[in-house]
Amino acid sequence: MLTAIADPTRRRIIEMLASADESVTTLTSRCRVSQPAMSRHLRVLRESGIVTSHSRGQRRIYSLDQHSLGELDDWITQLRHTWASRLDAIAAEATHPPTAQRTAKPLHQRQEETKT
């Protein structure tokens, strides 16, 4: 699914279909791509489960599959929470460093201590 939405034209198609179902002709003219190019983009989106299509007369109408986008949103939300907690831990560590910090001695000082 992520590969499908990586392309800017396909993201534009998703944005358009978020507001209304559209025909191939409308999508082609609004994206300013050729009809064969639009067909390829729609095939990728359809095969990844992001869009569905149905016939209305002689026209092919595309719409978003809300379920698949919901799954993607759930996954992104989970990642966002994971990273937020990790970043919060880093920020807390940066603002409250440990009180007793050990500093390593340079190698030559450690070697001299072992000689004596």
N, C-alpha and C. Protein backbone atom coordinates (compact mmCIF):
# COMPACT_ATOMS: atom_id res chain seq x y z
N MET A 1 0.82 -1.19 0.00
CA MET A 1 0.00 0.00 0.00
C MET A 1 0.87 1.26 0.00
N LEU A 2 1.97 1.23 0.75
CA LEU A 2 2.82 2.42 0.81
C LEU A 2 3.45 2.73 -0.54
N THR A 3 3.78 1.70 -1.28
CA THR A 3 4.32 1.92 -2.62
C THR A 3 3.28 2.61 -3.51
N ALA A 4 2.04 2.21 -3.35
CA ALA A 4 0.97 2.79 -4.17
C ALA A 4 0.78 4.28 -3.89
N ILE A 5 0.91 4.67 -2.64
CA ILE A 5 0.68 6.09 -2.31
C ILE A 5 1.96 6.92 -2.37
N ALA A 6 3.07 6.30 -2.73
CA ALA A 6 4.33 7.04 -2.84
C ALA A 6 4.34 7.99 -4.02
N ASP A 7 3.58 7.68 -5.05
CA ASP A 7 3.56 8.50 -6.26
C ASP A 7 2.67 9.73 -6.06
N PRO A 8 3.16 10.93 -6.40
CA PRO A 8 2.36 12.15 -6.18
C PRO A 8 1.06 12.18 -6.98
N THR A 9 1.04 11.62 -8.17
CA THR A 9 -0.20 11.60 -8.96
C THR A 9 -1.23 10.72 -8.27
N ARG A 10 -0.81 9.59 -7.73
CA ARG A 10 -1.75 8.71 -7.04
C ARG A 10 -2.25 9.35 -5.75
N ARG A 11 -1.40 10.10 -5.06
CA ARG A 11 -1.88 10.82 -3.87
C ARG A 11 -2.91 11.86 -4.27
N ARG A 12 -2.71 12.52 -5.39
CA ARG A 12 -3.69 13.50 -5.89
C ARG A 12 -5.01 12.81 -6.21
N ILE A 13 -4.96 11.64 -6.83
CA ILE A 13 -6.17 10.89 -7.12
C ILE A 13 -6.91 10.56 -5.82
N ILE A 14 -6.18 10.11 -4.81
CA ILE A 14 -6.78 9.79 -3.52
C ILE A 14 -7.45 11.03 -2.93
N GLU A 15 -6.78 12.18 -3.01
CA GLU A 15 -7.36 13.42 -2.49
C GLU A 15 -8.65 13.76 -3.21
N MET A 16 -8.69 13.59 -4.53
CA MET A 16 -9.91 13.90 -5.28
C MET A 16 -11.03 12.93 -4.92
N LEU A 17 -10.69 11.65 -4.78
CA LEU A 17 -11.72 10.66 -4.47
C LEU A 17 -12.19 10.76 -3.02
N ALA A 18 -11.43 11.44 -2.17
CA ALA A 18 -11.85 11.64 -0.79
C ALA A 18 -13.09 12.51 -0.71
N SER A 19 -13.26 13.40 -1.67
CA SER A 19 -14.42 14.28 -1.64
C SER A 19 -15.59 13.77 -2.47
N ALA A 20 -15.32 12.97 -3.50
CA ALA A 20 -16.41 12.45 -4.34
C ALA A 20 -15.90 11.34 -5.24
N ASP A 21 -16.80 10.42 -5.58
CA ASP A 21 -16.47 9.40 -6.58
C ASP A 21 -16.32 10.11 -7.92
N GLU A 22 -15.40 9.61 -8.74
CA GLU A 22 -15.12 10.27 -10.02
C GLU A 22 -14.95 9.26 -11.14
N SER A 23 -15.20 9.72 -12.34
CA SER A 23 -14.98 8.90 -13.52
C SER A 23 -13.51 9.00 -13.93
N VAL A 24 -13.08 8.06 -14.76
CA VAL A 24 -11.72 8.07 -15.28
C VAL A 24 -11.49 9.36 -16.06
N THR A 25 -12.47 9.77 -16.84
CA THR A 25 -12.35 10.98 -17.65
C THR A 25 -12.10 12.21 -16.78
N THR A 26 -12.86 12.33 -15.70
CA THR A 26 -12.70 13.48 -14.80
C THR A 26 -11.33 13.44 -14.12
N LEU A 27 -10.94 12.28 -13.64
CA LEU A 27 -9.64 12.17 -12.99
C LEU A 27 -8.50 12.49 -13.95
N THR A 28 -8.63 12.01 -15.19
CA THR A 28 -7.59 12.25 -16.20
C THR A 28 -7.44 13.74 -16.47
N SER A 29 -8.55 14.43 -16.65
CA SER A 29 -8.47 15.87 -16.98
C SER A 29 -7.98 16.69 -15.78
N ARG A 30 -8.38 16.33 -14.58
CA ARG A 30 -7.97 17.10 -13.40
C ARG A 30 -6.51 16.85 -13.03
N CYS A 31 -6.01 15.67 -13.33
CA CYS A 31 -4.59 15.37 -13.03
C CYS A 31 -3.67 15.73 -14.18
N ARG A 32 -4.25 16.04 -15.33
CA ARG A 32 -3.48 16.41 -16.51
C ARG A 32 -2.48 15.34 -16.91
N VAL A 33 -2.97 14.10 -16.98
CA VAL A 33 -2.17 12.98 -17.47
C VAL A 33 -2.94 12.33 -18.61
N SER A 34 -2.25 11.49 -19.35
CA SER A 34 -2.92 10.79 -20.45
C SER A 34 -3.86 9.72 -19.87
N GLN A 35 -4.80 9.31 -20.68
CA GLN A 35 -5.74 8.27 -20.24
C GLN A 35 -5.02 6.95 -19.94
N PRO A 36 -4.05 6.52 -20.77
CA PRO A 36 -3.32 5.29 -20.42
C PRO A 36 -2.55 5.42 -19.09
N ALA A 37 -1.97 6.60 -18.85
CA ALA A 37 -1.25 6.80 -17.59
C ALA A 37 -2.22 6.74 -16.41
N MET A 38 -3.39 7.35 -16.56
CA MET A 38 -4.39 7.32 -15.49
C MET A 38 -4.83 5.89 -15.24
N SER A 39 -5.02 5.12 -16.30
CA SER A 39 -5.43 3.72 -16.13
C SER A 39 -4.39 2.94 -15.34
N ARG A 40 -3.12 3.19 -15.60
CA ARG A 40 -2.05 2.51 -14.86
C ARG A 40 -2.09 2.91 -13.38
N HIS A 41 -2.25 4.21 -13.11
CA HIS A 41 -2.32 4.68 -11.72
C HIS A 41 -3.51 4.04 -11.00
N LEU A 42 -4.65 4.02 -11.66
CA LEU A 42 -5.85 3.46 -11.03
C LEU A 42 -5.71 1.95 -10.82
N ARG A 43 -5.04 1.26 -11.72
CA ARG A 43 -4.82 -0.17 -11.54
C ARG A 43 -3.97 -0.43 -10.29
N VAL A 44 -2.91 0.37 -10.11
CA VAL A 44 -2.06 0.21 -8.92
C VAL A 44 -2.87 0.46 -7.65
N LEU A 45 -3.67 1.51 -7.66
CA LEU A 45 -4.50 1.82 -6.49
C LEU A 45 -5.55 0.74 -6.24
N ARG A 46 -6.13 0.22 -7.29
CA ARG A 46 -7.14 -0.84 -7.17
C ARG A 46 -6.51 -2.13 -6.64
N GLU A 47 -5.35 -2.51 -7.19
CA GLU A 47 -4.68 -3.74 -6.77
C GLU A 47 -4.19 -3.66 -5.32
N SER A 48 -3.90 -2.46 -4.85
CA SER A 48 -3.47 -2.30 -3.46
C SER A 48 -4.65 -2.16 -2.51
N GLY A 49 -5.86 -2.13 -3.06
CA GLY A 49 -7.06 -2.07 -2.22
C GLY A 49 -7.46 -0.67 -1.79
N ILE A 50 -6.85 0.34 -2.35
CA ILE A 50 -7.15 1.72 -1.94
C ILE A 50 -8.42 2.23 -2.62
N VAL A 51 -8.63 1.86 -3.87
CA VAL A 51 -9.83 2.30 -4.59
C VAL A 51 -10.60 1.09 -5.10
N THR A 52 -11.87 1.32 -5.32
CA THR A 52 -12.74 0.33 -5.96
C THR A 52 -13.37 1.01 -7.16
N SER A 53 -13.91 0.21 -8.06
CA SER A 53 -14.56 0.78 -9.23
C SER A 53 -15.85 0.03 -9.52
N HIS A 54 -16.76 0.73 -10.18
CA HIS A 54 -18.00 0.12 -10.64
C HIS A 54 -18.44 0.82 -11.92
N SER A 55 -19.30 0.17 -12.65
CA SER A 55 -19.79 0.75 -13.91
C SER A 55 -21.06 1.54 -13.64
N ARG A 56 -21.14 2.67 -14.30
CA ARG A 56 -22.36 3.48 -14.30
C ARG A 56 -22.61 3.81 -15.77
N GLY A 57 -23.49 3.05 -16.37
CA GLY A 57 -23.69 3.19 -17.81
C GLY A 57 -22.44 2.72 -18.51
N GLN A 58 -21.89 3.57 -19.36
CA GLN A 58 -20.66 3.22 -20.07
C GLN A 58 -19.42 3.78 -19.38
N ARG A 59 -19.61 4.42 -18.25
CA ARG A 59 -18.49 5.04 -17.54
C ARG A 59 -18.03 4.16 -16.38
N ARG A 60 -16.76 4.24 -16.11
CA ARG A 60 -16.17 3.54 -14.96
C ARG A 60 -15.99 4.58 -13.86
N ILE A 61 -16.57 4.33 -12.70
CA ILE A 61 -16.53 5.26 -11.57
C ILE A 61 -15.64 4.67 -10.48
N TYR A 62 -14.75 5.51 -9.95
CA TYR A 62 -13.82 5.09 -8.91
C TYR A 62 -14.17 5.76 -7.59
N SER A 63 -13.96 5.02 -6.50
CA SER A 63 -14.18 5.56 -5.17
C SER A 63 -13.13 4.99 -4.22
N LEU A 64 -12.95 5.65 -3.10
CA LEU A 64 -11.99 5.19 -2.09
C LEU A 64 -12.57 4.02 -1.32
N ASP A 65 -11.72 3.10 -0.95
CA ASP A 65 -12.10 2.02 -0.04
C ASP A 65 -11.73 2.50 1.36
N GLN A 66 -12.72 2.97 2.09
CA GLN A 66 -12.47 3.55 3.41
C GLN A 66 -11.85 2.55 4.38
N HIS A 67 -12.17 1.28 4.24
CA HIS A 67 -11.64 0.27 5.15
C HIS A 67 -10.12 0.17 5.06
N SER A 68 -9.59 0.12 3.83
CA SER A 68 -8.14 0.00 3.68
C SER A 68 -7.43 1.24 4.17
N LEU A 69 -8.02 2.41 3.96
CA LEU A 69 -7.39 3.63 4.46
C LEU A 69 -7.47 3.68 5.98
N GLY A 70 -8.51 3.12 6.56
CA GLY A 70 -8.62 3.05 8.02
C GLY A 70 -7.52 2.18 8.61
N GLU A 71 -7.22 1.07 7.94
CA GLU A 71 -6.12 0.20 8.40
C GLU A 71 -4.79 0.93 8.34
N LEU A 72 -4.57 1.69 7.28
CA LEU A 72 -3.34 2.47 7.16
C LEU A 72 -3.26 3.52 8.26
N ASP A 73 -4.38 4.19 8.51
CA ASP A 73 -4.42 5.21 9.56
C ASP A 73 -4.15 4.59 10.93
N ASP A 74 -4.71 3.43 11.20
CA ASP A 74 -4.46 2.75 12.48
C ASP A 74 -2.99 2.44 12.66
N TRP A 75 -2.35 1.95 11.59
CA TRP A 75 -0.93 1.62 11.63
C TRP A 75 -0.08 2.86 11.88
N ILE A 76 -0.40 3.94 11.17
CA ILE A 76 0.35 5.19 11.34
C ILE A 76 0.16 5.75 12.74
N THR A 77 -1.05 5.66 13.27
CA THR A 77 -1.31 6.13 14.63
C THR A 77 -0.48 5.34 15.65
N GLN A 78 -0.40 4.03 15.47
CA GLN A 78 0.40 3.20 16.36
C GLN A 78 1.87 3.61 16.29
N LEU A 79 2.39 3.83 15.09
CA LEU A 79 3.78 4.27 14.95
C LEU A 79 4.00 5.63 15.60
N ARG A 80 3.04 6.52 15.41
CA ARG A 80 3.15 7.87 15.98
C ARG A 80 3.24 7.80 17.50
N HIS A 81 2.42 6.96 18.14
CA HIS A 81 2.46 6.81 19.60
C HIS A 81 3.79 6.22 20.06
N THR A 82 4.28 5.23 19.34
CA THR A 82 5.56 4.62 19.69
C THR A 82 6.68 5.64 19.64
N TRP A 83 6.74 6.38 18.54
CA TRP A 83 7.80 7.37 18.40
C TRP A 83 7.64 8.53 19.37
N ALA A 84 6.42 8.92 19.66
CA ALA A 84 6.20 10.02 20.61
C ALA A 84 6.74 9.64 21.99
N SER A 85 6.48 8.41 22.43
CA SER A 85 6.98 8.00 23.75
C SER A 85 8.51 7.91 23.75
N ARG A 86 9.09 7.45 22.65
CA ARG A 86 10.55 7.40 22.57
C ARG A 86 11.16 8.80 22.58
N LEU A 87 10.56 9.70 21.83
CA LEU A 87 11.07 11.08 21.80
C LEU A 87 10.88 11.77 23.13
N ASP A 88 9.78 11.47 23.82
CA ASP A 88 9.57 12.04 25.16
C ASP A 88 10.65 11.55 26.12
N ALA A 89 11.03 10.28 26.02
CA ALA A 89 12.08 9.74 26.88
C ALA A 89 13.42 10.41 26.59
N ILE A 90 13.71 10.64 25.32
CA ILE A 90 14.96 11.32 24.95
C ILE A 90 14.96 12.75 25.47
N ALA A 91 13.83 13.43 25.33
CA ALA A 91 13.73 14.81 25.82
C ALA A 91 13.89 14.86 27.33
N ALA A 92 13.31 13.91 28.05
CA ALA A 92 13.44 13.88 29.51
C ALA A 92 14.89 13.64 29.90
N GLU A 93 15.57 12.76 29.20
CA GLU A 93 16.98 12.48 29.48
C GLU A 93 17.85 13.70 29.20
N ALA A 94 17.52 14.42 28.14
CA ALA A 94 18.32 15.60 27.78
C ALA A 94 18.13 16.73 28.78
N THR A 95 16.94 16.88 29.32
CA THR A 95 16.69 17.97 30.26
C THR A 95 17.06 17.62 31.69
N HIS A 96 17.14 16.33 32.02
CA HIS A 96 17.50 15.89 33.36
C HIS A 96 18.59 14.83 33.27
N PRO A 97 19.83 15.25 33.00
CA PRO A 97 20.91 14.26 32.87
C PRO A 97 21.17 13.58 34.21
N PRO A 98 21.73 12.40 34.18
CA PRO A 98 22.06 11.69 35.43
C PRO A 98 22.98 12.55 36.29
N THR A 99 22.85 12.45 37.61
CA THR A 99 23.63 13.29 38.52
C THR A 99 25.09 12.85 38.59
N ALA A 100 25.35 11.59 38.56
CA ALA A 100 26.72 11.11 38.65
C ALA A 100 27.15 10.57 37.29
N GLN A 101 27.84 11.39 36.57
CA GLN A 101 28.31 10.94 35.26
C GLN A 101 29.75 10.47 35.38
N ARG A 102 30.02 9.28 34.88
CA ARG A 102 31.37 8.76 34.87
C ARG A 102 32.05 9.22 33.60
N THR A 103 33.28 9.64 33.77
CA THR A 103 34.04 10.02 32.58
C THR A 103 35.17 9.02 32.42
N ALA A 104 35.33 8.56 31.25
CA ALA A 104 36.40 7.59 30.97
C ALA A 104 37.73 8.33 30.86
N LYS A 105 38.75 7.72 31.45
CA LYS A 105 40.08 8.32 31.34
C LYS A 105 40.66 7.95 29.99
N PRO A 106 41.50 8.83 29.47
CA PRO A 106 42.18 8.49 28.22
C PRO A 106 43.02 7.23 28.40
N LEU A 107 43.22 6.51 27.32
CA LEU A 107 43.94 5.23 27.34
C LEU A 107 45.34 5.37 27.94
N HIS A 108 46.05 6.43 27.60
CA HIS A 108 47.42 6.55 28.11
C HIS A 108 47.45 6.72 29.63
N GLN A 109 46.46 7.35 30.23
CA GLN A 109 46.41 7.48 31.69
C GLN A 109 46.12 6.13 32.34
N ARG A 110 45.23 5.36 31.74
CA ARG A 110 44.91 4.04 32.30
C ARG A 110 46.14 3.13 32.22
N GLN A 111 46.91 3.22 31.14
CA GLN A 111 48.11 2.39 30.98
C GLN A 111 49.15 2.77 32.02
N GLU A 112 49.30 4.07 32.30
CA GLU A 112 50.27 4.51 33.32
C GLU A 112 49.87 4.02 34.70
N GLU A 113 48.57 4.02 35.01
CA GLU A 113 48.12 3.56 36.32
C GLU A 113 48.40 2.08 36.52
N THR A 114 48.28 1.30 35.48
CA THR A 114 48.52 -0.13 35.61
C THR A 114 50.00 -0.45 35.75
N LYS A 115 50.89 0.44 35.32
CA LYS A 115 52.33 0.23 35.44
C LYS A 115 52.78 0.44 36.89
N THR A 116 52.13 1.29 37.59
CA THR A 116 52.59 1.61 38.95
C THR A 116 51.94 0.76 40.00
